[in-house]
Amino acid sequence: GALAAIQCASRPGALPEYDRALLLRELQLFPEWYIARHKGVTLTDAETATLNAAFDKILAVNLAEPQVFVHRDYHSRNLMLLDPAEGRGANPGIIDFQDAVHGPISYDLVSLFKDAYIRWDEEFILDLLIRYWETAKKLGLPVRAEFADFHRDFEWMGVQRHIKVLGIFARLCHRDGKDGYLADMPLVMDYLRRACKRWRDLGPLLKLLDRLEPEETQVGYTF
């Protein structure tokens, strides 16, 4: 597919590195814009330490992933259906690629399969992920040898992205006056909660999310 073609073209040094500093800057949008500005919550020193410890664990998993070209916003709103009759090239047309980097191979899969604007059934996502993993191995892309390890990378990359997205959506609302993104926050929070429930090491982060956003407010968005 189009994503695999992008990844197969990867070479070190061609794009900026999606390094720890950049990944951490993205995570810091969450306490600054979502927790403090959007929720109006001031974390205790202990809660701040819990959040920072969670960030360290998340980044350790993210940075251990094999690296390829990463579009960084590879989701439904940036994939365009082209008319072959107009000679515009192969589908899909891909826009908003100016922030592309060299980083974790699962990142763009998270953007696509755990889209902030569209909910896919979890079984469907798992099926797509397996299909991608099998194809990637055949193409010689640097995916994990075991699917369980690849799936763990995907889940933890999703945690990083969804923490970032909650911060970005809060900033778009409160700084830029784009409150339409508030409607997309429950789905993103649900993705984050589901991942935190699956992985024991993310338990402390889940407890912090419960303080910020009590579980019962999420029930309506769980399918």
N, C-alpha and C. Protein backbone atom coordinates (compact mmCIF):
# COMPACT_ATOMS: atom_id res chain seq x y z
N GLY A 1 0.81 -1.20 0.00
CA GLY A 1 0.00 0.00 0.00
C GLY A 1 0.85 1.26 0.00
N ALA A 2 0.19 2.39 0.04
CA ALA A 2 0.88 3.68 0.00
C ALA A 2 1.81 3.87 1.19
N LEU A 3 1.35 3.47 2.37
CA LEU A 3 2.19 3.65 3.56
C LEU A 3 3.45 2.80 3.49
N ALA A 4 3.30 1.55 3.09
CA ALA A 4 4.47 0.68 2.96
C ALA A 4 5.45 1.23 1.94
N ALA A 5 4.94 1.82 0.86
CA ALA A 5 5.82 2.40 -0.16
C ALA A 5 6.64 3.55 0.42
N ILE A 6 5.99 4.38 1.23
CA ILE A 6 6.71 5.48 1.90
C ILE A 6 7.80 4.92 2.81
N GLN A 7 7.43 3.90 3.57
CA GLN A 7 8.38 3.32 4.52
C GLN A 7 9.55 2.63 3.82
N CYS A 8 9.27 2.00 2.70
CA CYS A 8 10.32 1.31 1.94
C CYS A 8 11.34 2.30 1.36
N ALA A 9 10.93 3.55 1.19
CA ALA A 9 11.84 4.57 0.65
C ALA A 9 12.73 5.18 1.73
N SER A 10 12.57 4.75 2.97
CA SER A 10 13.29 5.35 4.10
C SER A 10 14.80 5.25 3.96
N ARG A 11 15.46 6.32 4.40
CA ARG A 11 16.91 6.28 4.53
C ARG A 11 17.32 7.28 5.62
N PRO A 12 18.28 6.91 6.44
CA PRO A 12 18.71 7.78 7.54
C PRO A 12 19.26 9.10 7.02
N GLY A 13 18.98 10.17 7.75
CA GLY A 13 19.53 11.47 7.42
C GLY A 13 18.72 12.29 6.44
N ALA A 14 17.71 11.69 5.82
CA ALA A 14 16.91 12.42 4.83
C ALA A 14 15.86 13.31 5.48
N LEU A 15 15.39 12.93 6.66
CA LEU A 15 14.37 13.69 7.38
C LEU A 15 14.84 13.90 8.82
N PRO A 16 14.29 14.91 9.50
CA PRO A 16 14.64 15.10 10.91
C PRO A 16 14.30 13.85 11.73
N GLU A 17 15.06 13.61 12.77
CA GLU A 17 14.81 12.45 13.62
C GLU A 17 13.64 12.73 14.57
N TYR A 18 12.78 11.74 14.71
CA TYR A 18 11.70 11.81 15.71
C TYR A 18 12.32 11.34 17.02
N ASP A 19 13.13 12.20 17.62
CA ASP A 19 13.94 11.81 18.75
C ASP A 19 13.22 12.02 20.08
N ARG A 20 13.91 11.71 21.16
CA ARG A 20 13.28 11.79 22.48
C ARG A 20 12.82 13.21 22.80
N ALA A 21 13.63 14.19 22.43
CA ALA A 21 13.28 15.58 22.72
C ALA A 21 11.96 15.97 22.06
N LEU A 22 11.78 15.58 20.81
CA LEU A 22 10.55 15.93 20.09
C LEU A 22 9.35 15.16 20.64
N LEU A 23 9.53 13.87 20.87
CA LEU A 23 8.44 13.07 21.44
C LEU A 23 8.02 13.60 22.81
N LEU A 24 8.99 14.01 23.62
CA LEU A 24 8.68 14.53 24.95
C LEU A 24 8.00 15.88 24.86
N ARG A 25 8.44 16.74 23.94
CA ARG A 25 7.77 18.03 23.76
C ARG A 25 6.29 17.84 23.45
N GLU A 26 6.00 16.84 22.64
CA GLU A 26 4.61 16.55 22.30
C GLU A 26 3.83 16.10 23.54
N LEU A 27 4.43 15.23 24.34
CA LEU A 27 3.77 14.76 25.56
C LEU A 27 3.49 15.91 26.52
N GLN A 28 4.38 16.88 26.58
CA GLN A 28 4.22 17.98 27.53
C GLN A 28 3.04 18.88 27.19
N LEU A 29 2.51 18.76 25.98
CA LEU A 29 1.29 19.51 25.65
C LEU A 29 0.12 19.07 26.53
N PHE A 30 0.17 17.82 26.98
CA PHE A 30 -0.92 17.26 27.79
C PHE A 30 -1.02 17.95 29.15
N PRO A 31 0.03 18.01 29.96
CA PRO A 31 -0.11 18.72 31.23
C PRO A 31 -0.34 20.22 31.06
N GLU A 32 0.27 20.80 30.03
CA GLU A 32 0.14 22.25 29.86
C GLU A 32 -1.25 22.65 29.38
N TRP A 33 -1.75 21.97 28.35
CA TRP A 33 -2.99 22.42 27.73
C TRP A 33 -4.21 21.60 28.14
N TYR A 34 -4.08 20.30 28.27
CA TYR A 34 -5.25 19.50 28.64
C TYR A 34 -5.51 19.55 30.14
N ILE A 35 -4.49 19.24 30.93
CA ILE A 35 -4.70 19.18 32.38
C ILE A 35 -4.90 20.57 32.97
N ALA A 36 -3.94 21.46 32.75
CA ALA A 36 -3.99 22.77 33.39
C ALA A 36 -5.04 23.70 32.78
N ARG A 37 -5.03 23.79 31.45
CA ARG A 37 -5.91 24.78 30.81
C ARG A 37 -7.32 24.23 30.60
N HIS A 38 -7.44 23.04 30.03
CA HIS A 38 -8.76 22.51 29.69
C HIS A 38 -9.51 22.00 30.91
N LYS A 39 -8.83 21.23 31.76
CA LYS A 39 -9.49 20.67 32.94
C LYS A 39 -9.39 21.59 34.16
N GLY A 40 -8.50 22.55 34.12
CA GLY A 40 -8.33 23.46 35.25
C GLY A 40 -7.79 22.78 36.49
N VAL A 41 -6.97 21.75 36.30
CA VAL A 41 -6.45 20.96 37.42
C VAL A 41 -4.97 21.28 37.62
N THR A 42 -4.59 21.46 38.88
CA THR A 42 -3.18 21.59 39.24
C THR A 42 -2.73 20.27 39.86
N LEU A 43 -1.77 19.63 39.24
CA LEU A 43 -1.29 18.34 39.74
C LEU A 43 -0.47 18.53 41.01
N THR A 44 -0.57 17.57 41.92
CA THR A 44 0.31 17.56 43.08
C THR A 44 1.71 17.15 42.63
N ASP A 45 2.68 17.32 43.51
CA ASP A 45 4.04 16.90 43.17
C ASP A 45 4.08 15.41 42.88
N ALA A 46 3.33 14.64 43.66
CA ALA A 46 3.30 13.18 43.46
C ALA A 46 2.69 12.83 42.11
N GLU A 47 1.63 13.54 41.73
CA GLU A 47 0.98 13.27 40.44
C GLU A 47 1.88 13.67 39.28
N THR A 48 2.60 14.77 39.44
CA THR A 48 3.55 15.18 38.41
C THR A 48 4.64 14.13 38.25
N ALA A 49 5.11 13.58 39.36
CA ALA A 49 6.12 12.53 39.31
C ALA A 49 5.57 11.28 38.63
N THR A 50 4.31 10.95 38.91
CA THR A 50 3.66 9.80 38.27
C THR A 50 3.58 10.00 36.76
N LEU A 51 3.19 11.20 36.35
CA LEU A 51 3.08 11.50 34.93
C LEU A 51 4.44 11.43 34.25
N ASN A 52 5.45 12.01 34.88
CA ASN A 52 6.79 11.99 34.29
C ASN A 52 7.35 10.58 34.19
N ALA A 53 7.06 9.75 35.20
CA ALA A 53 7.52 8.36 35.17
C ALA A 53 6.84 7.61 34.03
N ALA A 54 5.55 7.89 33.83
CA ALA A 54 4.81 7.27 32.72
C ALA A 54 5.40 7.71 31.38
N PHE A 55 5.71 8.99 31.27
CA PHE A 55 6.32 9.50 30.03
C PHE A 55 7.63 8.78 29.74
N ASP A 56 8.44 8.58 30.78
CA ASP A 56 9.73 7.89 30.59
C ASP A 56 9.52 6.47 30.06
N LYS A 57 8.54 5.76 30.62
CA LYS A 57 8.27 4.39 30.18
C LYS A 57 7.77 4.37 28.74
N ILE A 58 6.87 5.29 28.43
CA ILE A 58 6.31 5.36 27.07
C ILE A 58 7.42 5.63 26.05
N LEU A 59 8.26 6.60 26.34
CA LEU A 59 9.31 6.97 25.39
C LEU A 59 10.35 5.86 25.23
N ALA A 60 10.61 5.12 26.30
CA ALA A 60 11.57 4.02 26.20
C ALA A 60 11.09 2.98 25.20
N VAL A 61 9.79 2.68 25.22
CA VAL A 61 9.23 1.72 24.26
C VAL A 61 9.22 2.32 22.85
N ASN A 62 8.79 3.57 22.74
CA ASN A 62 8.72 4.22 21.43
C ASN A 62 10.08 4.26 20.74
N LEU A 63 11.10 4.63 21.49
CA LEU A 63 12.43 4.83 20.90
C LEU A 63 13.16 3.52 20.60
N ALA A 64 12.66 2.42 21.17
CA ALA A 64 13.26 1.11 20.88
C ALA A 64 12.72 0.51 19.58
N GLU A 65 11.71 1.15 19.00
CA GLU A 65 11.13 0.64 17.75
C GLU A 65 12.08 0.82 16.56
N PRO A 66 11.96 -0.06 15.56
CA PRO A 66 12.66 0.17 14.29
C PRO A 66 12.20 1.50 13.68
N GLN A 67 13.08 2.16 12.95
CA GLN A 67 12.82 3.50 12.44
C GLN A 67 12.63 3.51 10.92
N VAL A 68 11.65 4.30 10.48
CA VAL A 68 11.39 4.50 9.05
C VAL A 68 10.90 5.93 8.85
N PHE A 69 10.59 6.29 7.60
CA PHE A 69 9.95 7.58 7.35
C PHE A 69 8.56 7.58 8.01
N VAL A 70 8.23 8.69 8.65
CA VAL A 70 6.94 8.84 9.34
C VAL A 70 6.26 10.11 8.82
N HIS A 71 5.06 9.98 8.27
CA HIS A 71 4.30 11.13 7.80
C HIS A 71 3.93 12.04 8.96
N ARG A 72 3.47 11.43 10.06
CA ARG A 72 3.16 12.06 11.34
C ARG A 72 1.71 12.52 11.47
N ASP A 73 0.97 12.54 10.40
CA ASP A 73 -0.47 12.83 10.48
C ASP A 73 -1.20 12.03 9.41
N TYR A 74 -0.94 10.74 9.38
CA TYR A 74 -1.45 9.85 8.33
C TYR A 74 -2.83 9.33 8.73
N HIS A 75 -3.85 10.21 8.59
CA HIS A 75 -5.20 9.83 8.98
C HIS A 75 -6.21 10.23 7.89
N SER A 76 -7.46 9.93 8.16
CA SER A 76 -8.51 10.04 7.13
C SER A 76 -8.61 11.43 6.50
N ARG A 77 -8.39 12.47 7.27
CA ARG A 77 -8.56 13.82 6.73
C ARG A 77 -7.40 14.25 5.84
N ASN A 78 -6.34 13.49 5.84
CA ASN A 78 -5.18 13.83 5.00
C ASN A 78 -4.96 12.86 3.85
N LEU A 79 -5.92 11.96 3.64
CA LEU A 79 -5.84 11.00 2.53
C LEU A 79 -6.96 11.30 1.55
N MET A 80 -6.60 11.65 0.33
CA MET A 80 -7.56 12.11 -0.67
C MET A 80 -7.79 11.06 -1.75
N LEU A 81 -9.05 10.89 -2.14
CA LEU A 81 -9.38 9.99 -3.24
C LEU A 81 -9.18 10.73 -4.56
N LEU A 82 -8.29 10.21 -5.39
CA LEU A 82 -7.98 10.84 -6.68
C LEU A 82 -8.75 10.18 -7.81
N ASP A 83 -9.05 10.96 -8.83
CA ASP A 83 -9.72 10.44 -10.02
C ASP A 83 -8.66 10.03 -11.04
N PRO A 84 -8.51 8.72 -11.28
CA PRO A 84 -7.49 8.25 -12.24
C PRO A 84 -7.65 8.88 -13.62
N ALA A 85 -8.88 9.21 -13.98
CA ALA A 85 -9.13 9.78 -15.30
C ALA A 85 -8.46 11.14 -15.47
N GLU A 86 -8.20 11.81 -14.36
CA GLU A 86 -7.57 13.12 -14.42
C GLU A 86 -6.04 13.03 -14.43
N GLY A 87 -5.53 11.80 -14.36
CA GLY A 87 -4.09 11.61 -14.42
C GLY A 87 -3.33 12.21 -13.25
N ARG A 88 -3.95 12.19 -12.09
CA ARG A 88 -3.33 12.80 -10.91
C ARG A 88 -2.44 11.84 -10.12
N GLY A 89 -2.26 10.63 -10.60
CA GLY A 89 -1.40 9.69 -9.90
C GLY A 89 -2.19 8.65 -9.14
N ALA A 90 -1.46 7.83 -8.40
CA ALA A 90 -2.06 6.70 -7.69
C ALA A 90 -2.76 7.14 -6.41
N ASN A 91 -3.79 6.39 -6.03
CA ASN A 91 -4.48 6.64 -4.77
C ASN A 91 -3.71 6.02 -3.62
N PRO A 92 -3.82 6.58 -2.42
CA PRO A 92 -4.50 7.84 -2.15
C PRO A 92 -3.58 9.04 -2.36
N GLY A 93 -4.18 10.20 -2.58
CA GLY A 93 -3.39 11.42 -2.53
C GLY A 93 -3.12 11.75 -1.07
N ILE A 94 -1.91 12.12 -0.76
CA ILE A 94 -1.51 12.34 0.64
C ILE A 94 -1.12 13.80 0.81
N ILE A 95 -1.77 14.48 1.77
CA ILE A 95 -1.47 15.89 2.03
C ILE A 95 -0.92 16.05 3.45
N ASP A 96 -0.53 17.28 3.78
CA ASP A 96 -0.09 17.65 5.13
C ASP A 96 1.13 16.85 5.57
N PHE A 97 2.10 16.74 4.68
CA PHE A 97 3.29 15.92 4.96
C PHE A 97 4.50 16.76 5.37
N GLN A 98 4.29 18.05 5.64
CA GLN A 98 5.43 18.94 5.89
C GLN A 98 6.15 18.65 7.21
N ASP A 99 5.50 17.93 8.11
CA ASP A 99 6.14 17.62 9.40
C ASP A 99 6.73 16.21 9.44
N ALA A 100 6.95 15.61 8.28
CA ALA A 100 7.47 14.24 8.22
C ALA A 100 8.83 14.13 8.91
N VAL A 101 9.05 12.97 9.51
CA VAL A 101 10.28 12.71 10.26
C VAL A 101 10.73 11.26 10.02
N HIS A 102 11.86 10.92 10.61
CA HIS A 102 12.36 9.54 10.61
C HIS A 102 12.16 9.02 12.02
N GLY A 103 11.23 8.04 12.18
CA GLY A 103 10.89 7.63 13.53
C GLY A 103 10.25 6.25 13.61
N PRO A 104 9.54 5.96 14.70
CA PRO A 104 8.99 4.62 14.96
C PRO A 104 8.06 4.13 13.85
N ILE A 105 8.27 2.87 13.45
CA ILE A 105 7.55 2.32 12.31
C ILE A 105 6.04 2.20 12.55
N SER A 106 5.62 2.11 13.80
CA SER A 106 4.18 1.93 14.07
C SER A 106 3.42 3.25 14.09
N TYR A 107 4.12 4.39 14.05
CA TYR A 107 3.45 5.67 14.30
C TYR A 107 2.32 5.95 13.32
N ASP A 108 2.60 5.86 12.03
CA ASP A 108 1.57 6.18 11.04
C ASP A 108 0.43 5.17 11.07
N LEU A 109 0.71 3.94 11.49
CA LEU A 109 -0.35 2.94 11.64
C LEU A 109 -1.32 3.36 12.74
N VAL A 110 -0.78 3.89 13.83
CA VAL A 110 -1.63 4.40 14.90
C VAL A 110 -2.52 5.52 14.38
N SER A 111 -1.92 6.46 13.65
CA SER A 111 -2.68 7.60 13.11
C SER A 111 -3.84 7.13 12.24
N LEU A 112 -3.61 6.06 11.48
CA LEU A 112 -4.62 5.57 10.54
C LEU A 112 -5.64 4.66 11.21
N PHE A 113 -5.18 3.70 11.99
CA PHE A 113 -6.08 2.68 12.55
C PHE A 113 -6.77 3.14 13.83
N LYS A 114 -6.14 4.08 14.56
CA LYS A 114 -6.78 4.67 15.74
C LYS A 114 -6.99 6.15 15.45
N ASP A 115 -7.69 6.41 14.37
CA ASP A 115 -7.98 7.74 13.85
C ASP A 115 -8.76 8.54 14.90
N ALA A 116 -8.35 9.77 15.12
CA ALA A 116 -9.03 10.62 16.11
C ALA A 116 -10.43 11.03 15.67
N TYR A 117 -10.75 10.82 14.40
CA TYR A 117 -12.04 11.28 13.87
C TYR A 117 -12.98 10.14 13.47
N ILE A 118 -12.46 8.91 13.43
CA ILE A 118 -13.27 7.76 13.01
C ILE A 118 -12.97 6.59 13.93
N ARG A 119 -13.99 5.93 14.43
CA ARG A 119 -13.78 4.75 15.26
C ARG A 119 -13.93 3.48 14.42
N TRP A 120 -12.89 2.65 14.43
CA TRP A 120 -12.96 1.33 13.82
C TRP A 120 -13.13 0.30 14.93
N ASP A 121 -13.82 -0.79 14.62
CA ASP A 121 -13.96 -1.89 15.56
C ASP A 121 -12.57 -2.46 15.89
N GLU A 122 -12.36 -2.81 17.16
CA GLU A 122 -11.03 -3.26 17.58
C GLU A 122 -10.60 -4.55 16.86
N GLU A 123 -11.54 -5.44 16.60
CA GLU A 123 -11.19 -6.67 15.88
C GLU A 123 -10.76 -6.36 14.44
N PHE A 124 -11.41 -5.37 13.84
CA PHE A 124 -11.05 -4.94 12.49
C PHE A 124 -9.65 -4.34 12.48
N ILE A 125 -9.35 -3.52 13.49
CA ILE A 125 -8.02 -2.91 13.60
C ILE A 125 -6.96 -4.00 13.73
N LEU A 126 -7.23 -4.99 14.58
CA LEU A 126 -6.26 -6.07 14.79
C LEU A 126 -6.02 -6.84 13.49
N ASP A 127 -7.09 -7.07 12.74
CA ASP A 127 -6.96 -7.77 11.46
C ASP A 127 -6.11 -6.96 10.48
N LEU A 128 -6.37 -5.66 10.41
CA LEU A 128 -5.58 -4.80 9.52
C LEU A 128 -4.12 -4.77 9.94
N LEU A 129 -3.90 -4.76 11.24
CA LEU A 129 -2.54 -4.70 11.76
C LEU A 129 -1.76 -5.97 11.42
N ILE A 130 -2.43 -7.10 11.55
CA ILE A 130 -1.79 -8.38 11.18
C ILE A 130 -1.47 -8.40 9.69
N ARG A 131 -2.41 -7.94 8.87
CA ARG A 131 -2.19 -7.90 7.41
C ARG A 131 -0.99 -7.00 7.07
N TYR A 132 -0.94 -5.84 7.72
CA TYR A 132 0.19 -4.94 7.48
C TYR A 132 1.49 -5.61 7.87
N TRP A 133 1.53 -6.21 9.07
CA TRP A 133 2.75 -6.84 9.59
C TRP A 133 3.26 -7.93 8.65
N GLU A 134 2.32 -8.74 8.14
CA GLU A 134 2.71 -9.81 7.21
C GLU A 134 3.27 -9.24 5.91
N THR A 135 2.62 -8.19 5.40
CA THR A 135 3.09 -7.55 4.17
C THR A 135 4.45 -6.89 4.39
N ALA A 136 4.60 -6.22 5.52
CA ALA A 136 5.85 -5.52 5.83
C ALA A 136 7.02 -6.50 5.90
N LYS A 137 6.79 -7.66 6.49
CA LYS A 137 7.86 -8.67 6.56
C LYS A 137 8.28 -9.11 5.16
N LYS A 138 7.29 -9.31 4.29
CA LYS A 138 7.59 -9.74 2.92
C LYS A 138 8.38 -8.67 2.16
N LEU A 139 8.10 -7.41 2.47
CA LEU A 139 8.78 -6.30 1.80
C LEU A 139 10.15 -6.00 2.40
N GLY A 140 10.47 -6.66 3.49
CA GLY A 140 11.76 -6.43 4.13
C GLY A 140 11.80 -5.22 5.04
N LEU A 141 10.63 -4.70 5.42
CA LEU A 141 10.58 -3.58 6.36
C LEU A 141 10.97 -4.07 7.75
N PRO A 142 11.55 -3.21 8.58
CA PRO A 142 12.10 -3.64 9.87
C PRO A 142 11.05 -3.78 10.98
N VAL A 143 10.07 -4.64 10.77
CA VAL A 143 9.08 -4.88 11.82
C VAL A 143 9.58 -5.99 12.75
N ARG A 144 9.00 -6.07 13.95
CA ARG A 144 9.38 -7.10 14.91
C ARG A 144 9.12 -8.49 14.34
N ALA A 145 9.95 -9.44 14.75
CA ALA A 145 9.80 -10.82 14.27
C ALA A 145 8.53 -11.47 14.79
N GLU A 146 8.12 -11.10 16.00
CA GLU A 146 6.90 -11.66 16.61
C GLU A 146 5.79 -10.62 16.59
N PHE A 147 4.59 -11.04 16.19
CA PHE A 147 3.49 -10.07 16.11
C PHE A 147 3.16 -9.49 17.48
N ALA A 148 3.25 -10.28 18.54
CA ALA A 148 2.94 -9.78 19.88
C ALA A 148 3.81 -8.58 20.24
N ASP A 149 5.08 -8.63 19.86
CA ASP A 149 5.98 -7.51 20.13
C ASP A 149 5.62 -6.30 19.27
N PHE A 150 5.27 -6.56 18.02
CA PHE A 150 4.86 -5.48 17.12
C PHE A 150 3.58 -4.82 17.63
N HIS A 151 2.65 -5.63 18.11
CA HIS A 151 1.39 -5.10 18.63
C HIS A 151 1.63 -4.25 19.88
N ARG A 152 2.54 -4.70 20.74
CA ARG A 152 2.86 -3.90 21.93
C ARG A 152 3.43 -2.55 21.51
N ASP A 153 4.34 -2.54 20.55
CA ASP A 153 4.89 -1.27 20.05
C ASP A 153 3.77 -0.36 19.55
N PHE A 154 2.86 -0.92 18.79
CA PHE A 154 1.73 -0.17 18.24
C PHE A 154 0.88 0.45 19.35
N GLU A 155 0.58 -0.34 20.37
CA GLU A 155 -0.25 0.14 21.48
C GLU A 155 0.44 1.28 22.24
N TRP A 156 1.71 1.11 22.53
CA TRP A 156 2.44 2.12 23.30
C TRP A 156 2.69 3.37 22.46
N MET A 157 2.85 3.21 21.16
CA MET A 157 2.96 4.38 20.29
C MET A 157 1.64 5.13 20.29
N GLY A 158 0.54 4.39 20.34
CA GLY A 158 -0.77 5.01 20.42
C GLY A 158 -0.94 5.83 21.69
N VAL A 159 -0.40 5.34 22.79
CA VAL A 159 -0.47 6.09 24.05
C VAL A 159 0.24 7.44 23.90
N GLN A 160 1.42 7.42 23.30
CA GLN A 160 2.14 8.68 23.09
C GLN A 160 1.34 9.63 22.20
N ARG A 161 0.84 9.10 21.09
CA ARG A 161 0.11 9.97 20.15
C ARG A 161 -1.16 10.52 20.77
N HIS A 162 -1.89 9.71 21.50
CA HIS A 162 -3.18 10.18 22.01
C HIS A 162 -3.02 11.16 23.17
N ILE A 163 -1.96 10.99 23.96
CA ILE A 163 -1.65 12.00 24.97
C ILE A 163 -1.36 13.33 24.27
N LYS A 164 -0.56 13.27 23.22
CA LYS A 164 -0.23 14.47 22.45
C LYS A 164 -1.48 15.10 21.84
N VAL A 165 -2.31 14.28 21.23
CA VAL A 165 -3.50 14.79 20.53
C VAL A 165 -4.46 15.48 21.51
N LEU A 166 -4.62 14.93 22.70
CA LEU A 166 -5.47 15.59 23.69
C LEU A 166 -4.93 16.98 24.02
N GLY A 167 -3.61 17.09 24.13
CA GLY A 167 -3.00 18.40 24.36
C GLY A 167 -3.20 19.34 23.19
N ILE A 168 -3.04 18.82 21.98
CA ILE A 168 -3.21 19.65 20.78
C ILE A 168 -4.65 20.11 20.63
N PHE A 169 -5.60 19.21 20.83
CA PHE A 169 -7.01 19.59 20.71
C PHE A 169 -7.38 20.65 21.75
N ALA A 170 -6.85 20.51 22.97
CA ALA A 170 -7.12 21.51 24.01
C ALA A 170 -6.52 22.86 23.60
N ARG A 171 -5.32 22.83 23.04
CA ARG A 171 -4.68 24.07 22.60
C ARG A 171 -5.45 24.71 21.45
N LEU A 172 -5.89 23.90 20.49
CA LEU A 172 -6.68 24.42 19.38
C LEU A 172 -7.94 25.11 19.88
N CYS A 173 -8.54 24.53 20.91
CA CYS A 173 -9.76 25.11 21.47
C CYS A 173 -9.48 26.41 22.22
N HIS A 174 -8.58 26.35 23.19
CA HIS A 174 -8.41 27.46 24.12
C HIS A 174 -7.50 28.57 23.61
N ARG A 175 -6.55 28.24 22.77
CA ARG A 175 -5.67 29.28 22.22
C ARG A 175 -6.17 29.81 20.89
N ASP A 176 -6.68 28.88 20.06
CA ASP A 176 -7.03 29.24 18.68
C ASP A 176 -8.53 29.40 18.44
N GLY A 177 -9.34 29.13 19.47
CA GLY A 177 -10.78 29.30 19.34
C GLY A 177 -11.47 28.27 18.47
N LYS A 178 -10.82 27.12 18.25
CA LYS A 178 -11.40 26.06 17.40
C LYS A 178 -12.04 25.00 18.29
N ASP A 179 -13.22 25.33 18.81
CA ASP A 179 -13.83 24.43 19.80
C ASP A 179 -14.48 23.19 19.18
N GLY A 180 -14.47 23.09 17.86
CA GLY A 180 -15.01 21.89 17.22
C GLY A 180 -14.25 20.63 17.59
N TYR A 181 -12.98 20.80 17.99
CA TYR A 181 -12.16 19.64 18.36
C TYR A 181 -12.58 19.03 19.69
N LEU A 182 -13.36 19.75 20.48
CA LEU A 182 -13.83 19.20 21.76
C LEU A 182 -14.66 17.93 21.53
N ALA A 183 -15.39 17.89 20.43
CA ALA A 183 -16.24 16.73 20.13
C ALA A 183 -15.41 15.48 19.85
N ASP A 184 -14.15 15.65 19.47
CA ASP A 184 -13.29 14.51 19.14
C ASP A 184 -12.50 14.00 20.34
N MET A 185 -12.51 14.75 21.43
CA MET A 185 -11.72 14.37 22.61
C MET A 185 -12.16 13.05 23.25
N PRO A 186 -13.47 12.78 23.39
CA PRO A 186 -13.86 11.52 24.05
C PRO A 186 -13.32 10.27 23.36
N LEU A 187 -13.30 10.25 22.04
CA LEU A 187 -12.77 9.08 21.33
C LEU A 187 -11.28 8.93 21.61
N VAL A 188 -10.54 10.02 21.57
CA VAL A 188 -9.10 9.97 21.82
C VAL A 188 -8.83 9.50 23.25
N MET A 189 -9.59 10.02 24.22
CA MET A 189 -9.43 9.60 25.60
C MET A 189 -9.77 8.12 25.75
N ASP A 190 -10.75 7.65 25.01
CA ASP A 190 -11.12 6.23 25.09
C ASP A 190 -10.00 5.35 24.56
N TYR A 191 -9.38 5.74 23.45
CA TYR A 191 -8.22 5.00 22.95
C TYR A 191 -7.14 4.91 24.04
N LEU A 192 -6.90 6.05 24.68
CA LEU A 192 -5.85 6.11 25.70
C LEU A 192 -6.17 5.22 26.88
N ARG A 193 -7.41 5.28 27.36
CA ARG A 193 -7.83 4.45 28.49
C ARG A 193 -7.72 2.97 28.17
N ARG A 194 -8.18 2.59 27.01
CA ARG A 194 -8.16 1.16 26.64
C ARG A 194 -6.73 0.62 26.64
N ALA A 195 -5.81 1.39 26.12
CA ALA A 195 -4.41 0.95 26.11
C ALA A 195 -3.85 0.88 27.53
N CYS A 196 -4.17 1.86 28.34
CA CYS A 196 -3.67 1.86 29.72
C CYS A 196 -4.22 0.67 30.51
N LYS A 197 -5.43 0.24 30.20
CA LYS A 197 -6.01 -0.91 30.89
C LYS A 197 -5.34 -2.22 30.47
N ARG A 198 -4.80 -2.26 29.27
CA ARG A 198 -4.20 -3.49 28.76
C ARG A 198 -2.80 -3.74 29.31
N TRP A 199 -2.09 -2.67 29.67
CA TRP A 199 -0.68 -2.79 30.02
C TRP A 199 -0.47 -2.37 31.47
N ARG A 200 -0.03 -3.32 32.28
CA ARG A 200 0.11 -3.10 33.72
C ARG A 200 1.00 -1.91 34.04
N ASP A 201 2.06 -1.72 33.27
CA ASP A 201 2.99 -0.61 33.53
C ASP A 201 2.33 0.75 33.38
N LEU A 202 1.17 0.79 32.73
CA LEU A 202 0.46 2.06 32.54
C LEU A 202 -0.63 2.26 33.58
N GLY A 203 -0.72 1.36 34.56
CA GLY A 203 -1.72 1.47 35.62
C GLY A 203 -1.69 2.81 36.35
N PRO A 204 -0.52 3.31 36.77
CA PRO A 204 -0.48 4.61 37.45
C PRO A 204 -1.01 5.75 36.58
N LEU A 205 -0.74 5.69 35.28
CA LEU A 205 -1.27 6.72 34.38
C LEU A 205 -2.78 6.62 34.31
N LEU A 206 -3.33 5.40 34.28
CA LEU A 206 -4.78 5.22 34.25
C LEU A 206 -5.43 5.84 35.49
N LYS A 207 -4.82 5.66 36.65
CA LYS A 207 -5.37 6.25 37.88
C LYS A 207 -5.39 7.77 37.79
N LEU A 208 -4.36 8.34 37.18
CA LEU A 208 -4.32 9.79 37.01
C LEU A 208 -5.42 10.24 36.05
N LEU A 209 -5.63 9.48 34.99
CA LEU A 209 -6.72 9.80 34.05
C LEU A 209 -8.07 9.74 34.75
N ASP A 210 -8.23 8.79 35.66
CA ASP A 210 -9.48 8.67 36.40
C ASP A 210 -9.74 9.91 37.25
N ARG A 211 -8.69 10.50 37.78
CA ARG A 211 -8.86 11.74 38.56
C ARG A 211 -9.25 12.89 37.65
N LEU A 212 -8.66 12.94 36.47
CA LEU A 212 -8.95 14.03 35.54
C LEU A 212 -10.31 13.88 34.87
N GLU A 213 -10.67 12.64 34.57
CA GLU A 213 -11.87 12.35 33.77
C GLU A 213 -12.48 11.07 34.32
N PRO A 214 -13.40 11.18 35.29
CA PRO A 214 -13.98 9.97 35.90
C PRO A 214 -14.51 8.99 34.87
N GLU A 215 -14.36 7.71 35.16
CA GLU A 215 -14.69 6.63 34.23
C GLU A 215 -16.10 6.72 33.69
N GLU A 216 -17.06 7.08 34.55
CA GLU A 216 -18.45 7.05 34.10
C GLU A 216 -18.73 7.99 32.94
N THR A 217 -17.93 9.07 32.81
CA THR A 217 -18.17 10.00 31.71
C THR A 217 -17.75 9.40 30.37
N GLN A 218 -17.02 8.27 30.42
CA GLN A 218 -16.54 7.66 29.19
C GLN A 218 -17.44 6.53 28.69
N VAL A 219 -18.37 6.06 29.53
CA VAL A 219 -19.14 4.86 29.20
C VAL A 219 -19.85 4.98 27.86
N GLY A 220 -20.40 6.15 27.58
CA GLY A 220 -21.15 6.33 26.34
C GLY A 220 -20.31 6.23 25.09
N TYR A 221 -19.00 6.24 25.22
CA TYR A 221 -18.14 6.22 24.04
C TYR A 221 -17.43 4.88 23.88
N THR A 222 -17.87 3.87 24.65
CA THR A 222 -17.25 2.55 24.57
C THR A 222 -18.18 1.61 23.84
N PHE A 223 -17.66 0.94 22.83
CA PHE A 223 -18.49 0.04 22.02
C PHE A 223 -18.01 -1.39 22.18
